[in-house]
Amino acid sequence: MLTYKESGVDIDEGNRAVDLIKNKIKGTYDSNVIGDLGSFSGLYSLKDFTSMKEPVLLASTDGVGTKLKLAQMMDKHDTVGIDLVAMCVNDLICQGAKPLFFLDYIATGKLVPEQIEKIVGGIADGCKMSGSALIGGETAEMPGMYAADDYDLAGFSVGIADKEKVISGKDVKKGDVLVGISSSGVHSNGYSFIRKIFLDTYNYKLDQYVDELGMTVGEALLTPTKIYVKLVLDLIKEHEIKSIAHITGGGVIENIVRVIPKGLGLDIELNSWEKPPIFKMIEGFNSIDTRELHKSFNMGVGLVLIVDEDKADDVIAFINNRENDNLEYVDEKYSKLFEDKAYKIGKVVDSHEGVVLC
């Protein structure tokens, strides 16, 4: 008799994976989570948000991209879950939304429960960093669609904000200041280009130790994406932030102009912030045009705030003096990269549209 297992799908291994991850998932729950694992959908109460004048839900979805290829090549799967959460919740926070809950989707050629445990463990850590409850997910074993060692990740995040407090960028004006907040590294964009640079062009090995990085090339490239949620939620309680941009694919050139009114442009000062070692190394190759670099990567700036000129110093001081309580969730070798540092990186202008790198 034919069996499902003979076609490449092992239901028993799927059940074992659930047993391995259930405690990690429950560790993200807050008092608003209703029910338990095993339901056909996740339930989340909004009882704590009745004081909002007009509560609105905001949603975001994203993946990790080809950074997963490096994780698979290195057989290191405990950090990409953080990346998955970060790419979603960092988008939500750009409009001032508090993330509520998260769902994941894992598609793989062959389900290995211990691998799933590591991936979901990273997702759970990312949820804790952002104050999100992991209330649902799906693991799909798809032989023939994916190679045995391949997998892909997608994430879905829902947040809430009071409509009158949603950050829209509509009040941004000439003279406002751009405050850049440090990234932890490449984050989760541009990895097709990263692999071309490091593996194809300069022939680095992922296990090759590089003094200027303080770790191997592979470890540097798998540095998790920084999550800015708690920082921004604390910040907007005390300071007026006009606009926020998450610096993802497109870099500072394409992302910030999305959150300013038409007719305005940006002057960005290239030497105004400290770059992580991985970007100094890339710049040192002298093989990529400056504008191409800042259009392909975040180049050390993971989030940009736009504020009134006379408030910029206070915002920067708040960020630089605040302790980052997410360090407990990342490997010690990444601790320095996860410290939050803020810089004045440019201004809003009306003399041109788009971005001029100064």
Protein backbone atom coordinates (compact mmCIF):
# COMPACT_ATOMS: atom_id res chain seq x y z
CA MET A 1 0.00 0.00 0.00
CA LEU A 2 1.24 3.53 -0.80
CA THR A 3 1.94 5.94 2.04
CA TYR A 4 2.33 9.70 2.33
CA LYS A 5 5.80 9.15 3.84
CA GLU A 6 6.95 7.37 0.67
CA SER A 7 6.14 10.52 -1.31
CA GLY A 8 8.55 12.49 0.88
CA VAL A 9 6.22 13.92 3.54
CA ASP A 10 6.59 12.59 7.08
CA ILE A 11 3.62 13.61 9.25
CA ASP A 12 5.17 12.04 12.36
CA GLU A 13 8.27 14.25 12.00
CA GLY A 14 5.97 17.24 11.64
CA ASN A 15 4.28 16.35 14.90
CA ARG A 16 7.66 15.94 16.57
CA ALA A 17 8.67 19.39 15.35
CA VAL A 18 5.56 20.85 17.00
CA ASP A 19 6.49 19.17 20.27
CA LEU A 20 9.99 20.71 20.11
CA ILE A 21 8.78 24.28 19.47
CA LYS A 22 5.63 24.58 21.57
CA ASN A 23 7.36 25.87 24.70
CA LYS A 24 9.29 28.47 22.69
CA ILE A 25 6.03 29.67 21.17
CA LYS A 26 4.23 29.84 24.53
CA GLY A 27 7.14 31.92 25.84
CA THR A 28 5.99 34.78 23.59
CA TYR A 29 2.38 34.82 24.84
CA ASP A 30 0.94 37.77 26.72
CA SER A 31 -2.37 38.09 28.57
CA ASN A 32 -4.22 38.91 25.33
CA VAL A 33 -3.57 35.55 23.69
CA ILE A 34 -6.70 33.40 23.74
CA GLY A 35 -6.56 29.63 23.55
CA ASP A 36 -3.56 27.41 22.91
CA LEU A 37 -1.61 25.71 20.15
CA GLY A 38 -3.56 23.48 17.81
CA SER A 39 -6.49 25.71 16.86
CA PHE A 40 -7.15 26.44 13.21
CA SER A 41 -6.51 30.14 13.79
CA GLY A 42 -4.88 32.32 16.44
CA LEU A 43 -7.00 34.51 18.71
CA TYR A 44 -5.87 37.79 20.23
CA SER A 45 -7.94 40.08 22.47
CA LEU A 46 -7.90 43.89 22.11
CA LYS A 47 -9.16 44.46 25.66
CA ASP A 48 -6.05 46.47 26.61
CA PHE A 49 -6.61 49.08 23.90
CA THR A 50 -10.09 50.36 24.69
CA SER A 51 -8.67 53.74 25.74
CA MET A 52 -7.71 54.55 22.15
CA LYS A 53 -10.00 57.10 20.49
CA GLU A 54 -10.02 55.28 17.14
CA PRO A 55 -7.86 52.15 17.16
CA VAL A 56 -6.67 50.98 13.76
CA LEU A 57 -4.88 47.76 12.85
CA LEU A 58 -1.73 47.85 10.73
CA ALA A 59 -0.28 44.79 8.99
CA SER A 60 3.02 43.91 7.40
CA THR A 61 4.49 40.87 5.68
CA ASP A 62 8.01 40.04 4.52
CA GLY A 63 10.65 37.33 4.28
CA VAL A 64 14.38 36.92 4.83
CA GLY A 65 15.39 36.59 1.18
CA THR A 66 18.59 34.97 -0.04
CA LYS A 67 20.29 35.49 3.31
CA LEU A 68 18.75 32.06 3.91
CA LYS A 69 21.19 30.60 1.37
CA LEU A 70 24.08 31.52 3.65
CA ALA A 71 22.31 30.05 6.69
CA GLN A 72 21.79 26.83 4.75
CA MET A 73 25.39 26.77 3.51
CA MET A 74 26.64 27.22 7.08
CA ASP A 75 24.00 24.92 8.61
CA LYS A 76 23.27 27.72 11.10
CA HIS A 77 19.57 28.38 11.57
CA ASP A 78 19.17 30.08 14.95
CA THR A 79 19.33 33.72 13.81
CA VAL A 80 17.24 33.92 10.62
CA GLY A 81 14.04 33.82 12.66
CA ILE A 82 15.06 37.11 14.26
CA ASP A 83 15.54 38.52 10.75
CA LEU A 84 12.08 37.37 9.76
CA VAL A 85 10.37 39.15 12.64
CA ALA A 86 12.53 42.25 12.25
CA MET A 87 11.66 42.77 8.61
CA CYS A 88 7.96 42.87 9.49
CA VAL A 89 7.81 44.70 12.82
CA ASN A 90 10.34 47.37 11.79
CA ASP A 91 7.89 48.31 9.04
CA LEU A 92 4.99 48.53 11.49
CA ILE A 93 6.87 50.83 13.84
CA CYS A 94 7.42 53.35 11.03
CA GLN A 95 3.82 54.46 11.53
CA GLY A 96 4.00 54.27 15.30
CA ALA A 97 2.16 50.97 15.61
CA LYS A 98 2.67 48.65 18.55
CA PRO A 99 3.10 45.09 17.20
CA LEU A 100 0.53 42.72 18.69
CA PHE A 101 1.06 39.32 17.18
CA PHE A 102 3.07 37.45 14.57
CA LEU A 103 2.56 34.41 12.34
CA ASP A 104 5.19 32.50 10.39
CA TYR A 105 5.27 30.24 7.35
CA ILE A 106 8.12 27.77 6.83
CA ALA A 107 8.35 25.84 3.55
CA THR A 108 10.99 23.14 3.24
CA GLY A 109 12.01 20.25 1.02
CA LYS A 110 12.53 17.89 3.93
CA LEU A 111 11.31 18.63 7.44
CA VAL A 112 14.00 18.21 10.07
CA PRO A 113 12.46 18.86 13.52
CA GLU A 114 15.73 19.99 15.12
CA GLN A 115 16.23 22.53 12.32
CA ILE A 116 12.67 23.80 12.71
CA GLU A 117 13.29 24.15 16.44
CA LYS A 118 16.24 26.46 15.78
CA ILE A 119 14.37 28.54 13.22
CA VAL A 120 11.31 28.96 15.43
CA GLY A 121 13.54 29.63 18.42
CA GLY A 122 14.88 32.65 16.52
CA ILE A 123 11.36 33.73 15.60
CA ALA A 124 10.36 33.50 19.26
CA ASP A 125 13.38 35.63 20.25
CA GLY A 126 12.41 38.22 17.64
CA CYS A 127 8.86 38.25 18.98
CA LYS A 128 10.15 38.85 22.50
CA MET A 129 12.35 41.69 21.25
CA SER A 130 9.35 43.37 19.66
CA GLY A 131 6.70 42.51 22.27
CA SER A 132 4.78 40.34 19.79
CA ALA A 133 2.94 37.12 20.56
CA LEU A 134 3.61 34.24 18.16
CA ILE A 135 0.02 33.02 17.81
CA GLY A 136 0.17 30.88 14.70
CA GLY A 137 2.19 29.45 11.87
CA GLU A 138 2.51 26.79 9.22
CA THR A 139 5.27 24.36 8.34
CA ALA A 140 4.95 22.86 4.87
CA GLU A 141 7.07 19.93 3.70
CA MET A 142 7.21 20.23 -0.10
CA PRO A 143 9.51 17.68 -1.77
CA GLY A 144 9.90 18.40 -5.47
CA MET A 145 9.24 22.11 -4.89
CA TYR A 146 12.33 22.60 -2.70
CA ALA A 147 15.59 20.64 -2.51
CA ALA A 148 16.01 18.56 0.64
CA ASP A 149 18.28 21.12 2.34
CA ASP A 150 16.35 24.22 1.22
CA TYR A 151 13.69 26.18 3.06
CA ASP A 152 12.02 29.56 2.81
CA LEU A 153 10.45 31.78 5.45
CA ALA A 154 7.63 34.31 5.39
CA GLY A 155 6.28 36.34 8.27
CA PHE A 156 3.09 38.26 9.00
CA SER A 157 2.76 40.91 11.71
CA VAL A 158 -0.24 42.88 12.96
CA GLY A 159 -0.01 46.01 15.10
CA ILE A 160 -2.28 48.69 16.52
CA ALA A 161 -2.22 52.48 16.77
CA ASP A 162 -4.63 55.29 17.59
CA LYS A 163 -5.57 56.78 14.22
CA GLU A 164 -4.87 60.36 15.31
CA LYS A 165 -1.35 59.33 16.40
CA VAL A 166 -0.35 57.41 13.28
CA ILE A 167 2.99 58.74 11.98
CA SER A 168 2.46 59.75 8.36
CA GLY A 169 5.17 62.25 7.40
CA LYS A 170 2.58 64.82 6.28
CA ASP A 171 4.06 67.60 8.45
CA VAL A 172 7.65 67.19 7.26
CA LYS A 173 9.02 70.52 6.00
CA LYS A 174 12.19 72.16 4.72
CA GLY A 175 14.88 72.35 7.42
CA ASP A 176 13.79 69.24 9.32
CA VAL A 177 16.64 66.98 10.40
CA LEU A 178 17.27 63.35 9.52
CA VAL A 179 18.32 61.28 12.55
CA GLY A 180 19.87 57.97 11.56
CA ILE A 181 19.91 55.03 13.98
CA SER A 182 22.67 52.46 13.59
CA SER A 183 22.08 49.12 11.93
CA SER A 184 23.66 45.89 13.14
CA GLY A 185 25.06 45.14 9.69
CA VAL A 186 23.62 44.16 6.32
CA HIS A 187 20.27 43.20 7.92
CA SER A 188 18.19 41.19 5.40
CA ASN A 189 18.40 42.97 2.06
CA GLY A 190 20.80 42.78 -0.84
CA TYR A 191 22.13 39.28 -0.20
CA SER A 192 22.21 38.30 -3.87
CA PHE A 193 24.65 41.20 -4.26
CA ILE A 194 26.45 40.25 -1.02
CA ARG A 195 27.04 36.71 -2.27
CA LYS A 196 28.31 38.04 -5.60
CA ILE A 197 30.74 40.36 -3.79
CA PHE A 198 32.13 38.04 -1.13
CA LEU A 199 31.77 34.56 -2.60
CA ASP A 200 31.90 35.04 -6.37
CA THR A 201 34.14 38.09 -6.86
CA TYR A 202 36.57 38.07 -3.92
CA ASN A 203 36.37 34.33 -3.18
CA TYR A 204 35.98 34.55 0.59
CA LYS A 205 35.12 31.41 2.52
CA LEU A 206 32.26 31.64 5.00
CA ASP A 207 34.45 30.12 7.74
CA GLN A 208 37.31 32.53 7.01
CA TYR A 209 38.18 34.69 10.03
CA VAL A 210 38.76 38.38 9.25
CA ASP A 211 40.46 40.54 11.87
CA GLU A 212 38.63 43.74 10.94
CA LEU A 213 35.31 41.94 11.39
CA GLY A 214 36.31 40.26 14.64
CA MET A 215 34.61 37.07 13.45
CA THR A 216 34.29 34.89 10.36
CA VAL A 217 32.81 36.22 7.13
CA GLY A 218 29.82 33.93 7.55
CA GLU A 219 29.17 35.06 11.11
CA ALA A 220 29.33 38.70 10.05
CA LEU A 221 26.92 38.13 7.17
CA LEU A 222 24.48 36.27 9.44
CA THR A 223 24.40 39.06 12.02
CA PRO A 224 20.69 39.34 12.88
CA THR A 225 18.65 42.35 11.82
CA LYS A 226 18.22 44.87 14.61
CA ILE A 227 14.69 45.30 15.93
CA TYR A 228 13.76 48.93 16.72
CA VAL A 229 10.28 48.48 18.15
CA LYS A 230 10.82 49.07 21.86
CA LEU A 231 13.18 51.98 21.18
CA VAL A 232 10.67 53.78 18.96
CA LEU A 233 7.70 53.09 21.24
CA ASP A 234 9.66 54.61 24.14
CA LEU A 235 10.79 57.52 21.97
CA ILE A 236 7.37 58.58 20.67
CA LYS A 237 6.00 58.75 24.22
CA GLU A 238 8.32 61.70 24.93
CA HIS A 239 9.25 63.25 21.57
CA GLU A 240 7.46 64.37 18.44
CA ILE A 241 8.62 62.28 15.50
CA LYS A 242 7.31 63.50 12.16
CA SER A 243 8.30 60.57 9.98
CA ILE A 244 10.11 57.23 10.18
CA ALA A 245 11.71 55.16 7.42
CA HIS A 246 12.91 51.56 7.70
CA ILE A 247 16.05 51.32 5.55
CA THR A 248 15.66 48.12 3.57
CA GLY A 249 16.18 47.36 -0.13
CA GLY A 250 16.81 50.70 -1.84
CA GLY A 251 18.91 52.03 1.05
CA VAL A 252 18.75 55.65 2.20
CA ILE A 253 18.24 56.74 -1.39
CA GLU A 254 14.84 55.14 -1.98
CA ASN A 255 13.29 54.54 1.44
CA ILE A 256 13.26 57.97 3.09
CA VAL A 257 11.63 59.74 0.14
CA ARG A 258 8.65 57.41 0.61
CA VAL A 259 7.75 59.17 3.88
CA ILE A 260 8.09 62.87 2.96
CA PRO A 261 5.66 65.09 1.02
CA LYS A 262 6.12 65.54 -2.72
CA GLY A 263 8.15 68.58 -3.67
CA LEU A 264 10.75 67.99 -0.97
CA GLY A 265 14.14 66.30 -1.18
CA LEU A 266 16.97 65.16 1.05
CA ASP A 267 20.61 66.11 1.46
CA ILE A 268 22.45 63.25 3.19
CA GLU A 269 25.97 63.69 4.57
CA LEU A 270 27.90 60.51 3.82
CA ASN A 271 30.50 60.82 6.59
CA SER A 272 28.10 61.69 9.38
CA TRP A 273 27.69 58.22 10.89
CA GLU A 274 29.88 55.31 11.94
CA LYS A 275 29.63 52.28 9.68
CA PRO A 276 29.77 48.66 10.92
CA PRO A 277 32.96 46.79 9.96
CA ILE A 278 31.24 44.80 7.20
CA PHE A 279 30.46 48.00 5.28
CA LYS A 280 33.94 49.41 5.81
CA MET A 281 35.24 46.18 4.32
CA ILE A 282 32.93 46.46 1.29
CA GLU A 283 33.93 50.10 0.75
CA GLY A 284 37.57 49.05 0.97
CA PHE A 285 37.19 46.89 -2.12
CA ASN A 286 36.80 50.13 -4.14
CA SER A 287 34.76 48.27 -6.73
CA ILE A 288 31.24 49.64 -6.16
CA ASP A 289 30.04 53.16 -6.87
CA THR A 290 29.07 55.16 -3.77
CA ARG A 291 25.50 55.74 -4.91
CA GLU A 292 25.12 52.06 -5.81
CA LEU A 293 26.25 51.11 -2.30
CA HIS A 294 23.72 53.42 -0.66
CA LYS A 295 20.96 52.19 -2.96
CA SER A 296 21.75 48.50 -2.36
CA PHE A 297 22.47 48.38 1.39
CA ASN A 298 21.59 50.28 4.56
CA MET A 299 25.33 51.12 4.94
CA GLY A 300 25.04 51.30 8.74
CA VAL A 301 21.74 53.19 9.09
CA GLY A 302 18.80 50.88 9.77
CA LEU A 303 16.13 53.43 10.67
CA VAL A 304 15.76 57.15 9.94
CA LEU A 305 13.64 59.59 11.93
CA ILE A 306 12.65 63.05 10.72
CA VAL A 307 12.27 65.70 13.42
CA ASP A 308 12.21 69.47 13.85
CA GLU A 309 15.71 70.92 13.77
CA ASP A 310 15.45 72.27 17.31
CA LYS A 311 14.44 68.86 18.67
CA ALA A 312 17.09 66.72 16.98
CA ASP A 313 19.68 66.96 19.77
CA ASP A 314 17.18 65.84 22.40
CA VAL A 315 16.08 62.88 20.28
CA ILE A 316 19.68 61.83 19.66
CA ALA A 317 20.51 62.13 23.36
CA PHE A 318 17.48 60.01 24.27
CA ILE A 319 18.57 57.25 21.89
CA ASN A 320 22.24 57.30 22.82
CA ASN A 321 21.56 57.24 26.55
CA ARG A 322 18.94 54.49 26.45
CA GLU A 323 19.95 50.94 27.33
CA ASN A 324 19.07 48.37 24.70
CA ASP A 325 17.32 45.51 26.49
CA ASN A 326 17.38 43.24 23.43
CA LEU A 327 21.04 42.30 23.90
CA GLU A 328 20.08 39.23 25.94
CA TYR A 329 18.61 37.63 22.84
CA VAL A 330 21.70 37.81 20.61
CA ASP A 331 25.07 36.08 20.74
CA GLU A 332 27.68 38.04 22.69
CA LYS A 333 29.78 38.55 19.55
CA TYR A 334 26.96 40.67 18.13
CA SER A 335 26.40 42.80 21.26
CA LYS A 336 28.41 45.83 20.12
CA LEU A 337 26.66 45.79 16.74
CA PHE A 338 23.28 45.84 18.49
CA GLU A 339 23.99 48.97 20.52
CA ASP A 340 21.80 51.89 19.43
CA LYS A 341 23.66 54.95 18.19
CA ALA A 342 22.00 57.98 16.66
CA TYR A 343 23.46 60.60 14.31
CA LYS A 344 22.38 63.69 12.41
CA ILE A 345 22.77 62.46 8.86
CA GLY A 346 21.12 65.16 6.78
CA LYS A 347 18.30 67.62 6.18
CA VAL A 348 15.05 68.03 4.31
CA VAL A 349 15.33 70.56 1.48
CA ASP A 350 13.03 72.13 -1.11
CA SER A 351 15.72 72.88 -3.71
CA HIS A 352 15.34 69.46 -5.33
CA GLU A 353 13.44 66.20 -5.07
CA GLY A 354 15.07 62.85 -4.42
CA VAL A 355 18.34 62.34 -2.55
CA VAL A 356 21.68 64.10 -2.93
CA LEU A 357 24.64 62.41 -1.22
CA CYS A 358 26.96 65.11 0.09
